[in-house]
Amino acid sequence: MVSKVCRFMAIASLSLLLVAAASAQIKVNQTDGFGKDQLLTFTYGQNFSCIHQPFDDLNNNGKVAAVDPDEFQRPRCVVGHQSAIGPTGDPVKEVIKLYVITPFFETDVREPAFTPELGTALKSLFGFVPDSFKVHPGVDVQCPEPGLPLTDQKGAPGTCTMHTSAIDLGPLLGQLGLVPPGTAVVTPTINHSHIIDEQLHTGPIWWQVVSVLITDPNAWPSADGKKGITSLKKLREAQALGKASADVPTNFFLFFGSDVKGHSH
């Protein structure tokens, strides 16, 4: 009799675990994120926006956007260049920030970059190929979508729900003296995770992407948020200790609401 009770309790416990796992699995229009040391779910309400202002020359052809239709044939999402306004026309300083962290270290030299050509270029620029650009990064990332059991969708390298699929790193690399000013360095969207300075429910709003390179693998957050950088406070501490780069602005915005993982309104 005791044995049957134990078996029943074990089956019941397993069922509860499976239900919990199913409820934690996020939908195709969602990603995970971190906020104030909690695991969050971001629910996206529309596609991204990358702001081109009239006197920008984001395609580096010597013509400002106001007189250059070619500027708008694809979105130009630029790291190291900040627009003065957000998607609704508000001053960019009034737009809440989304800190997009990327693993700027290499965990496995055998793992290839998105393309062989990109791998060669990165090795030439940095002396190594960061996990940011690896087909299979050696750390947990929230974009691209990791697939089951965490997400319905398994995203291809360089993708993420409602995100741009390409970014231009040229301005950032130009500021670092690694490429000549005005050079476009377009790559697939890099592997990354998300941090906001929020904890509880936030309705859908526009967020400005601020890029931060994490250089210490020990500081990288685990998928469950039990360790690593899982809050803006911890990100600032990592930056002060030289484990992460300074904030790098972008003209890239995402539209989503956030909530504590497993909780809904």
C-alpha atoms as a PDB file:
ATOM      1  CA  MET A   1       0.000   0.000   0.000  1.00  0.00           C
ATOM      2  CA  VAL A   2       2.814   2.381   0.912  1.00  0.00           C
ATOM      3  CA  SER A   3       4.524   1.498  -2.368  1.00  0.00           C
ATOM      4  CA  LYS A   4       1.385   2.371  -4.370  1.00  0.00           C
ATOM      5  CA  VAL A   5       1.036   5.691  -2.543  1.00  0.00           C
ATOM      6  CA  CYS A   6       4.679   6.524  -3.271  1.00  0.00           C
ATOM      7  CA  ARG A   7       4.204   5.674  -6.950  1.00  0.00           C
ATOM      8  CA  PHE A   8       1.056   7.829  -7.088  1.00  0.00           C
ATOM      9  CA  MET A   9       2.877  10.759  -5.481  1.00  0.00           C
ATOM     10  CA  ALA A  10       5.793  10.395  -7.900  1.00  0.00           C
ATOM     11  CA  ILE A  11       3.445  10.382 -10.906  1.00  0.00           C
ATOM     12  CA  ALA A  12       1.548  13.389  -9.525  1.00  0.00           C
ATOM     13  CA  SER A  13       4.821  15.274  -8.976  1.00  0.00           C
ATOM     14  CA  LEU A  14       5.973  14.495 -12.521  1.00  0.00           C
ATOM     15  CA  SER A  15       2.638  15.701 -13.905  1.00  0.00           C
ATOM     16  CA  LEU A  16       2.972  18.978 -12.020  1.00  0.00           C
ATOM     17  CA  LEU A  17       6.496  19.426 -13.378  1.00  0.00           C
ATOM     18  CA  LEU A  18       5.303  18.818 -16.937  1.00  0.00           C
ATOM     19  CA  VAL A  19       2.467  21.317 -16.514  1.00  0.00           C
ATOM     20  CA  ALA A  20       4.898  23.879 -15.090  1.00  0.00           C
ATOM     21  CA  ALA A  21       7.308  23.300 -17.980  1.00  0.00           C
ATOM     22  CA  ALA A  22       4.502  23.711 -20.506  1.00  0.00           C
ATOM     23  CA  SER A  23       3.346  26.965 -18.904  1.00  0.00           C
ATOM     24  CA  ALA A  24       6.919  28.296 -18.925  1.00  0.00           C
ATOM     25  CA  GLN A  25       7.301  27.628 -22.660  1.00  0.00           C
ATOM     26  CA  ILE A  26       6.870  30.900 -24.495  1.00  0.00           C
ATOM     27  CA  LYS A  27       5.007  31.599 -27.728  1.00  0.00           C
ATOM     28  CA  VAL A  28       6.366  32.451 -31.159  1.00  0.00           C
ATOM     29  CA  ASN A  29       5.790  36.192 -30.596  1.00  0.00           C
ATOM     30  CA  GLN A  30       7.686  36.189 -27.300  1.00  0.00           C
ATOM     31  CA  THR A  31      11.234  36.082 -25.977  1.00  0.00           C
ATOM     32  CA  ASP A  32      12.681  35.798 -22.513  1.00  0.00           C
ATOM     33  CA  GLY A  33      14.343  38.732 -20.791  1.00  0.00           C
ATOM     34  CA  PHE A  34      15.754  39.711 -17.393  1.00  0.00           C
ATOM     35  CA  GLY A  35      14.687  42.533 -15.083  1.00  0.00           C
ATOM     36  CA  LYS A  36      15.765  43.151 -11.498  1.00  0.00           C
ATOM     37  CA  ASP A  37      17.006  39.563 -11.134  1.00  0.00           C
ATOM     38  CA  GLN A  38      13.809  37.986 -12.390  1.00  0.00           C
ATOM     39  CA  LEU A  39      13.139  36.015 -15.548  1.00  0.00           C
ATOM     40  CA  LEU A  40      10.643  37.920 -17.700  1.00  0.00           C
ATOM     41  CA  THR A  41       8.612  37.265 -20.815  1.00  0.00           C
ATOM     42  CA  PHE A  42       8.517  39.918 -23.544  1.00  0.00           C
ATOM     43  CA  THR A  43       5.457  39.875 -25.808  1.00  0.00           C
ATOM     44  CA  TYR A  44       5.983  41.691 -29.113  1.00  0.00           C
ATOM     45  CA  GLY A  45       3.119  43.686 -30.604  1.00  0.00           C
ATOM     46  CA  GLN A  46       4.640  44.684 -33.955  1.00  0.00           C
ATOM     47  CA  ASN A  47       7.841  44.711 -35.955  1.00  0.00           C
ATOM     48  CA  PHE A  48      10.995  46.624 -35.039  1.00  0.00           C
ATOM     49  CA  SER A  49      11.817  50.160 -36.127  1.00  0.00           C
ATOM     50  CA  CYS A  50      15.207  51.543 -37.157  1.00  0.00           C
ATOM     51  CA  ILE A  51      15.041  55.317 -37.459  1.00  0.00           C
ATOM     52  CA  HIS A  52      16.385  57.121 -40.530  1.00  0.00           C
ATOM     53  CA  GLN A  53      16.344  60.884 -40.035  1.00  0.00           C
ATOM     54  CA  PRO A  54      16.388  63.269 -43.022  1.00  0.00           C
ATOM     55  CA  PHE A  55      20.067  64.205 -42.693  1.00  0.00           C
ATOM     56  CA  ASP A  56      21.370  60.702 -41.927  1.00  0.00           C
ATOM     57  CA  ASP A  57      23.516  58.907 -44.490  1.00  0.00           C
ATOM     58  CA  LEU A  58      23.233  55.366 -43.155  1.00  0.00           C
ATOM     59  CA  ASN A  59      24.173  53.724 -46.447  1.00  0.00           C
ATOM     60  CA  ASN A  60      27.367  55.789 -46.646  1.00  0.00           C
ATOM     61  CA  ASN A  61      26.900  56.919 -50.258  1.00  0.00           C
ATOM     62  CA  GLY A  62      27.459  60.622 -49.647  1.00  0.00           C
ATOM     63  CA  LYS A  63      23.770  61.532 -49.922  1.00  0.00           C
ATOM     64  CA  VAL A  64      21.567  62.373 -46.967  1.00  0.00           C
ATOM     65  CA  ALA A  65      18.375  60.370 -46.590  1.00  0.00           C
ATOM     66  CA  ALA A  66      16.149  63.300 -47.571  1.00  0.00           C
ATOM     67  CA  VAL A  67      17.436  63.117 -51.168  1.00  0.00           C
ATOM     68  CA  ASP A  68      18.340  59.429 -51.342  1.00  0.00           C
ATOM     69  CA  PRO A  69      15.518  56.914 -51.943  1.00  0.00           C
ATOM     70  CA  ASP A  70      18.109  54.110 -51.906  1.00  0.00           C
ATOM     71  CA  GLU A  71      18.530  54.704 -48.182  1.00  0.00           C
ATOM     72  CA  PHE A  72      15.140  53.087 -47.546  1.00  0.00           C
ATOM     73  CA  GLN A  73      15.333  49.919 -49.635  1.00  0.00           C
ATOM     74  CA  ARG A  74      16.098  47.969 -46.491  1.00  0.00           C
ATOM     75  CA  PRO A  75      16.094  48.833 -42.774  1.00  0.00           C
ATOM     76  CA  ARG A  76      19.444  50.161 -41.606  1.00  0.00           C
ATOM     77  CA  CYS A  77      19.817  49.242 -37.969  1.00  0.00           C
ATOM     78  CA  VAL A  78      23.071  50.748 -36.832  1.00  0.00           C
ATOM     79  CA  VAL A  79      25.161  50.059 -33.726  1.00  0.00           C
ATOM     80  CA  GLY A  80      27.167  53.085 -32.635  1.00  0.00           C
ATOM     81  CA  HIS A  81      24.762  55.645 -34.119  1.00  0.00           C
ATOM     82  CA  GLN A  82      21.840  57.070 -32.146  1.00  0.00           C
ATOM     83  CA  SER A  83      18.805  58.735 -33.646  1.00  0.00           C
ATOM     84  CA  ALA A  84      17.612  61.909 -31.914  1.00  0.00           C
ATOM     85  CA  ILE A  85      14.018  60.638 -31.775  1.00  0.00           C
ATOM     86  CA  GLY A  86      12.142  57.391 -31.224  1.00  0.00           C
ATOM     87  CA  PRO A  87       9.482  55.800 -33.473  1.00  0.00           C
ATOM     88  CA  THR A  88       6.720  58.065 -32.107  1.00  0.00           C
ATOM     89  CA  GLY A  89       8.790  61.232 -32.548  1.00  0.00           C
ATOM     90  CA  ASP A  90       9.579  61.610 -28.854  1.00  0.00           C
ATOM     91  CA  PRO A  91      13.134  62.686 -27.959  1.00  0.00           C
ATOM     92  CA  VAL A  92      15.275  59.566 -27.661  1.00  0.00           C
ATOM     93  CA  LYS A  93      16.224  60.441 -24.080  1.00  0.00           C
ATOM     94  CA  GLU A  94      12.559  59.872 -23.157  1.00  0.00           C
ATOM     95  CA  VAL A  95      12.438  56.372 -24.672  1.00  0.00           C
ATOM     96  CA  ILE A  96      12.947  53.568 -22.111  1.00  0.00           C
ATOM     97  CA  LYS A  97      16.090  51.518 -22.695  1.00  0.00           C
ATOM     98  CA  LEU A  98      16.442  47.838 -23.499  1.00  0.00           C
ATOM     99  CA  TYR A  99      19.981  46.635 -22.814  1.00  0.00           C
ATOM    100  CA  VAL A 100      20.896  44.002 -25.373  1.00  0.00           C
ATOM    101  CA  ILE A 101      23.884  42.048 -24.090  1.00  0.00           C
ATOM    102  CA  THR A 102      25.977  39.880 -26.371  1.00  0.00           C
ATOM    103  CA  PRO A 103      28.687  37.296 -25.536  1.00  0.00           C
ATOM    104  CA  PHE A 104      31.882  38.954 -26.737  1.00  0.00           C
ATOM    105  CA  PHE A 105      34.133  36.021 -25.860  1.00  0.00           C
ATOM    106  CA  GLU A 106      34.855  32.650 -27.443  1.00  0.00           C
ATOM    107  CA  THR A 107      33.972  29.393 -25.718  1.00  0.00           C
ATOM    108  CA  ASP A 108      34.900  26.948 -28.508  1.00  0.00           C
ATOM    109  CA  VAL A 109      37.330  27.760 -31.320  1.00  0.00           C
ATOM    110  CA  ARG A 110      35.952  24.819 -33.325  1.00  0.00           C
ATOM    111  CA  GLU A 111      32.460  26.298 -33.535  1.00  0.00           C
ATOM    112  CA  PRO A 112      32.013  28.244 -36.808  1.00  0.00           C
ATOM    113  CA  ALA A 113      30.787  31.787 -37.329  1.00  0.00           C
ATOM    114  CA  PHE A 114      27.569  32.486 -39.247  1.00  0.00           C
ATOM    115  CA  THR A 115      29.620  32.317 -42.472  1.00  0.00           C
ATOM    116  CA  PRO A 116      33.255  31.402 -43.188  1.00  0.00           C
ATOM    117  CA  GLU A 117      33.870  34.893 -44.577  1.00  0.00           C
ATOM    118  CA  LEU A 118      32.546  36.513 -41.407  1.00  0.00           C
ATOM    119  CA  GLY A 119      34.706  34.210 -39.292  1.00  0.00           C
ATOM    120  CA  THR A 120      37.813  35.222 -41.225  1.00  0.00           C
ATOM    121  CA  ALA A 121      36.976  38.928 -40.905  1.00  0.00           C
ATOM    122  CA  LEU A 122      36.300  38.670 -37.160  1.00  0.00           C
ATOM    123  CA  LYS A 123      39.532  36.766 -36.580  1.00  0.00           C
ATOM    124  CA  SER A 124      41.373  39.515 -38.445  1.00  0.00           C
ATOM    125  CA  LEU A 125      39.672  42.287 -36.445  1.00  0.00           C
ATOM    126  CA  PHE A 126      39.700  40.792 -32.942  1.00  0.00           C
ATOM    127  CA  GLY A 127      42.022  37.770 -33.029  1.00  0.00           C
ATOM    128  CA  PHE A 128      39.097  35.480 -32.175  1.00  0.00           C
ATOM    129  CA  VAL A 129      35.488  34.809 -33.193  1.00  0.00           C
ATOM    130  CA  PRO A 130      33.110  35.940 -30.418  1.00  0.00           C
ATOM    131  CA  ASP A 131      30.170  33.706 -29.512  1.00  0.00           C
ATOM    132  CA  SER A 132      28.037  36.682 -30.581  1.00  0.00           C
ATOM    133  CA  PHE A 133      28.553  35.514 -34.168  1.00  0.00           C
ATOM    134  CA  LYS A 134      28.587  31.720 -33.738  1.00  0.00           C
ATOM    135  CA  VAL A 135      26.061  29.364 -35.298  1.00  0.00           C
ATOM    136  CA  HIS A 136      25.874  27.571 -31.938  1.00  0.00           C
ATOM    137  CA  PRO A 137      27.074  29.849 -29.104  1.00  0.00           C
ATOM    138  CA  GLY A 138      28.526  28.076 -26.090  1.00  0.00           C
ATOM    139  CA  VAL A 139      26.322  30.016 -23.657  1.00  0.00           C
ATOM    140  CA  ASP A 140      22.556  30.413 -23.267  1.00  0.00           C
ATOM    141  CA  VAL A 141      21.082  33.235 -25.342  1.00  0.00           C
ATOM    142  CA  GLN A 142      17.504  34.463 -25.654  1.00  0.00           C
ATOM    143  CA  CYS A 143      17.866  35.345 -29.346  1.00  0.00           C
ATOM    144  CA  PRO A 144      17.665  33.511 -31.630  1.00  0.00           C
ATOM    145  CA  GLU A 145      14.892  31.520 -29.998  1.00  0.00           C
ATOM    146  CA  PRO A 146      16.423  28.408 -28.407  1.00  0.00           C
ATOM    147  CA  GLY A 147      13.511  26.069 -29.241  1.00  0.00           C
ATOM    148  CA  LEU A 148      11.901  23.382 -27.112  1.00  0.00           C
ATOM    149  CA  PRO A 149      11.434  23.169 -24.188  1.00  0.00           C
ATOM    150  CA  LEU A 150      11.917  26.937 -23.701  1.00  0.00           C
ATOM    151  CA  THR A 151      10.246  28.321 -26.839  1.00  0.00           C
ATOM    152  CA  ASP A 152       7.799  27.095 -29.486  1.00  0.00           C
ATOM    153  CA  GLN A 153      10.090  28.364 -32.203  1.00  0.00           C
ATOM    154  CA  LYS A 154      13.723  27.458 -32.807  1.00  0.00           C
ATOM    155  CA  GLY A 155      15.153  30.449 -34.571  1.00  0.00           C
ATOM    156  CA  ALA A 156      17.832  30.249 -37.243  1.00  0.00           C
ATOM    157  CA  PRO A 157      21.138  31.995 -36.513  1.00  0.00           C
ATOM    158  CA  GLY A 158      20.838  35.745 -37.057  1.00  0.00           C
ATOM    159  CA  THR A 159      17.098  35.848 -36.402  1.00  0.00           C
ATOM    160  CA  CYS A 160      14.717  36.612 -33.537  1.00  0.00           C
ATOM    161  CA  THR A 161      10.985  37.228 -33.438  1.00  0.00           C
ATOM    162  CA  MET A 162      10.030  40.728 -34.643  1.00  0.00           C
ATOM    163  CA  HIS A 163      13.716  41.797 -34.702  1.00  0.00           C
ATOM    164  CA  THR A 164      15.744  43.002 -37.655  1.00  0.00           C
ATOM    165  CA  SER A 165      17.747  40.229 -39.339  1.00  0.00           C
ATOM    166  CA  ALA A 166      20.764  42.420 -40.100  1.00  0.00           C
ATOM    167  CA  ILE A 167      22.719  45.080 -38.235  1.00  0.00           C
ATOM    168  CA  ASP A 168      25.468  47.470 -39.268  1.00  0.00           C
ATOM    169  CA  LEU A 169      28.420  47.446 -36.863  1.00  0.00           C
ATOM    170  CA  GLY A 170      30.410  49.909 -38.981  1.00  0.00           C
ATOM    171  CA  PRO A 171      29.996  53.027 -36.797  1.00  0.00           C
ATOM    172  CA  LEU A 172      31.019  51.109 -33.651  1.00  0.00           C
ATOM    173  CA  LEU A 173      34.050  49.533 -35.330  1.00  0.00           C
ATOM    174  CA  GLY A 174      34.943  52.902 -36.842  1.00  0.00           C
ATOM    175  CA  GLN A 175      34.895  54.517 -33.393  1.00  0.00           C
ATOM    176  CA  LEU A 176      37.222  51.754 -32.178  1.00  0.00           C
ATOM    177  CA  GLY A 177      39.607  52.447 -35.064  1.00  0.00           C
ATOM    178  CA  LEU A 178      39.128  48.963 -36.526  1.00  0.00           C
ATOM    179  CA  VAL A 179      37.646  50.100 -39.870  1.00  0.00           C
ATOM    180  CA  PRO A 180      37.764  53.435 -41.713  1.00  0.00           C
ATOM    181  CA  PRO A 181      34.970  55.895 -40.820  1.00  0.00           C
ATOM    182  CA  GLY A 182      31.943  55.528 -43.078  1.00  0.00           C
ATOM    183  CA  THR A 183      32.475  51.793 -43.607  1.00  0.00           C
ATOM    184  CA  ALA A 184      29.371  49.605 -43.461  1.00  0.00           C
ATOM    185  CA  VAL A 185      29.934  46.278 -41.692  1.00  0.00           C
ATOM    186  CA  VAL A 186      26.613  44.472 -42.055  1.00  0.00           C
ATOM    187  CA  THR A 187      26.221  41.139 -40.269  1.00  0.00           C
ATOM    188  CA  PRO A 188      23.311  38.892 -39.317  1.00  0.00           C
ATOM    189  CA  THR A 189      21.769  40.022 -36.038  1.00  0.00           C
ATOM    190  CA  ILE A 190      24.101  38.791 -33.328  1.00  0.00           C
ATOM    191  CA  ASN A 191      23.291  36.302 -30.573  1.00  0.00           C
ATOM    192  CA  HIS A 192      22.040  38.154 -27.524  1.00  0.00           C
ATOM    193  CA  SER A 193      19.944  38.357 -24.362  1.00  0.00           C
ATOM    194  CA  HIS A 194      17.859  41.204 -22.923  1.00  0.00           C
ATOM    195  CA  ILE A 195      17.906  43.273 -19.719  1.00  0.00           C
ATOM    196  CA  ILE A 196      15.449  45.977 -18.653  1.00  0.00           C
ATOM    197  CA  ASP A 197      15.294  48.030 -15.468  1.00  0.00           C
ATOM    198  CA  GLU A 198      11.823  46.748 -14.686  1.00  0.00           C
ATOM    199  CA  GLN A 199      10.382  43.853 -12.714  1.00  0.00           C
ATOM    200  CA  LEU A 200       6.600  43.847 -12.818  1.00  0.00           C
ATOM    201  CA  HIS A 201       4.117  44.133 -15.663  1.00  0.00           C
ATOM    202  CA  THR A 202       4.861  46.719 -18.351  1.00  0.00           C
ATOM    203  CA  GLY A 203       2.369  47.253 -21.169  1.00  0.00           C
ATOM    204  CA  PRO A 204       3.525  47.307 -24.797  1.00  0.00           C
ATOM    205  CA  ILE A 205       5.772  50.289 -25.504  1.00  0.00           C
ATOM    206  CA  TRP A 206       8.750  51.205 -27.673  1.00  0.00           C
ATOM    207  CA  TRP A 207      12.190  50.483 -26.218  1.00  0.00           C
ATOM    208  CA  GLN A 208      15.510  51.786 -27.534  1.00  0.00           C
ATOM    209  CA  VAL A 209      18.142  49.090 -27.951  1.00  0.00           C
ATOM    210  CA  VAL A 210      21.399  49.861 -26.150  1.00  0.00           C
ATOM    211  CA  SER A 211      24.123  47.347 -26.974  1.00  0.00           C
ATOM    212  CA  VAL A 212      26.616  46.074 -24.383  1.00  0.00           C
ATOM    213  CA  LEU A 213      29.407  43.562 -25.052  1.00  0.00           C
ATOM    214  CA  ILE A 214      29.969  41.105 -22.207  1.00  0.00           C
ATOM    215  CA  THR A 215      33.659  40.163 -22.193  1.00  0.00           C
ATOM    216  CA  ASP A 216      33.802  37.850 -19.157  1.00  0.00           C
ATOM    217  CA  PRO A 217      32.096  34.456 -19.717  1.00  0.00           C
ATOM    218  CA  ASN A 218      31.635  34.064 -15.946  1.00  0.00           C
ATOM    219  CA  ALA A 219      29.370  37.111 -15.936  1.00  0.00           C
ATOM    220  CA  TRP A 220      27.040  35.744 -18.633  1.00  0.00           C
ATOM    221  CA  PRO A 221      23.523  34.900 -17.347  1.00  0.00           C
ATOM    222  CA  SER A 222      22.201  31.350 -17.345  1.00  0.00           C
ATOM    223  CA  ALA A 223      18.898  30.606 -19.091  1.00  0.00           C
ATOM    224  CA  ASP A 224      17.054  30.313 -15.771  1.00  0.00           C
ATOM    225  CA  GLY A 225      18.475  33.590 -14.453  1.00  0.00           C
ATOM    226  CA  LYS A 226      20.016  31.906 -11.416  1.00  0.00           C
ATOM    227  CA  LYS A 227      23.455  33.367 -12.095  1.00  0.00           C
ATOM    228  CA  GLY A 228      25.183  36.063 -14.101  1.00  0.00           C
ATOM    229  CA  ILE A 229      24.027  39.516 -15.161  1.00  0.00           C
ATOM    230  CA  THR A 230      20.252  39.555 -14.687  1.00  0.00           C
ATOM    231  CA  SER A 231      19.616  43.188 -13.781  1.00  0.00           C
ATOM    232  CA  LEU A 232      20.741  46.667 -14.746  1.00  0.00           C
ATOM    233  CA  LYS A 233      22.455  46.941 -11.346  1.00  0.00           C
ATOM    234  CA  LYS A 234      24.562  43.859 -12.071  1.00  0.00           C
ATOM    235  CA  LEU A 235      25.297  45.104 -15.572  1.00  0.00           C
ATOM    236  CA  ARG A 236      26.615  48.378 -14.166  1.00  0.00           C
ATOM    237  CA  GLU A 237      28.763  46.438 -11.680  1.00  0.00           C
ATOM    238  CA  ALA A 238      30.188  44.317 -14.506  1.00  0.00           C
ATOM    239  CA  GLN A 239      30.980  47.441 -16.532  1.00  0.00           C
ATOM    240  CA  ALA A 240      32.770  49.003 -13.545  1.00  0.00           C
ATOM    241  CA  LEU A 241      34.876  45.827 -13.172  1.00  0.00           C
ATOM    242  CA  GLY A 242      35.829  45.729 -16.858  1.00  0.00           C
ATOM    243  CA  LYS A 243      33.712  42.625 -17.543  1.00  0.00           C
ATOM    244  CA  ALA A 244      31.482  44.459 -20.012  1.00  0.00           C
ATOM    245  CA  SER A 245      31.809  47.317 -22.470  1.00  0.00           C
ATOM    246  CA  ALA A 246      30.296  50.744 -22.052  1.00  0.00           C
ATOM    247  CA  ASP A 247      26.767  51.327 -23.366  1.00  0.00           C
ATOM    248  CA  VAL A 248      26.678  51.574 -27.168  1.00  0.00           C
ATOM    249  CA  PRO A 249      23.642  53.460 -28.547  1.00  0.00           C
ATOM    250  CA  THR A 250      21.690  52.419 -31.643  1.00  0.00           C
ATOM    251  CA  ASN A 251      18.897  53.698 -33.885  1.00  0.00           C
ATOM    252  CA  PHE A 252      17.104  50.358 -33.301  1.00  0.00           C
ATOM    253  CA  PHE A 253      13.809  50.083 -31.382  1.00  0.00           C
ATOM    254  CA  LEU A 254      11.602  47.141 -30.350  1.00  0.00           C
ATOM    255  CA  PHE A 255       7.923  47.203 -29.377  1.00  0.00           C
ATOM    256  CA  PHE A 256       6.880  44.834 -26.590  1.00  0.00           C
ATOM    257  CA  GLY A 257       5.317  44.477 -23.168  1.00  0.00           C
ATOM    258  CA  SER A 258       6.982  42.555 -20.354  1.00  0.00           C
ATOM    259  CA  ASP A 259       5.781  40.410 -17.511  1.00  0.00           C
ATOM    260  CA  VAL A 260       7.258  38.084 -14.910  1.00  0.00           C
ATOM    261  CA  LYS A 261       7.756  34.641 -16.459  1.00  0.00           C
ATOM    262  CA  GLY A 262       4.742  32.423 -15.931  1.00  0.00           C
ATOM    263  CA  HIS A 263       2.512  35.327 -14.844  1.00  0.00           C
ATOM    264  CA  SER A 264      -0.057  36.970 -17.092  1.00  0.00           C
ATOM    265  CA  HIS A 265      -2.541  39.835 -16.974  1.00  0.00           C
END
